[in-house]
Amino acid sequence: MTRTNPPYAADERTMLVAFLDYYRETMLIKLDGLTEDQARWTPAPTSNSLISMVQHLAWVERWWFAQCFAGIQLDDPPGSDEDPDADFRVPADRSGPEVAAFYRAEWERANTVILGAASLDDDSKVAARGSPRSLRWIVLHMIEETARHAGHADITRELIDGSVSD
């Protein structure tokens, strides 16, 4: 898998989607070529595996773009106030390629939502923590969240097999 570098000049929406896609692709690159055991390996007892970070990002994209912004009724991400990290736990019968396909499907749905909105200033149909969020806020939040996990994924992948990529 290769990444597409974001353009050096484009309109705001195109630029935002390009940066988000860049980091999404980075997450899947980190899974490329790993065995199931390697994809599930954690560097410390409280750390997340590469496959769990990808699954988490898929659920987060579903929540912010489809459910919160667009108001589409889908299965809620796993988790609760008592167990907020349940979306990181990948069932033993769910493979790396299945998690990657889930992530890709959610980001394609998210891009349809982003590109179909009238304005980046449009507010979400569902309030998050008491207030609606603009599409711009949601996209920027997802760039931040995905980039942060991509940094974790860089370190985890290097610890697994010494692989480094920019």
Foldseek 3Di string as FASTA:
>chain_A
DDADAADPDDDPLSRLLNLLSRLLVLLVVLVPPDDQCLQQDAPDPPGAGSLLLLQLLLLLLCCLQVCFAVVHDDDHQDDDPVGNSPSSDDDPPQGSVNSSVSSVVSSVVSSCSSVPDPDQQDWGPHADPPHTDGNVVSSVVSSVSSVVVSVVSQVSSCVSPNDHDD
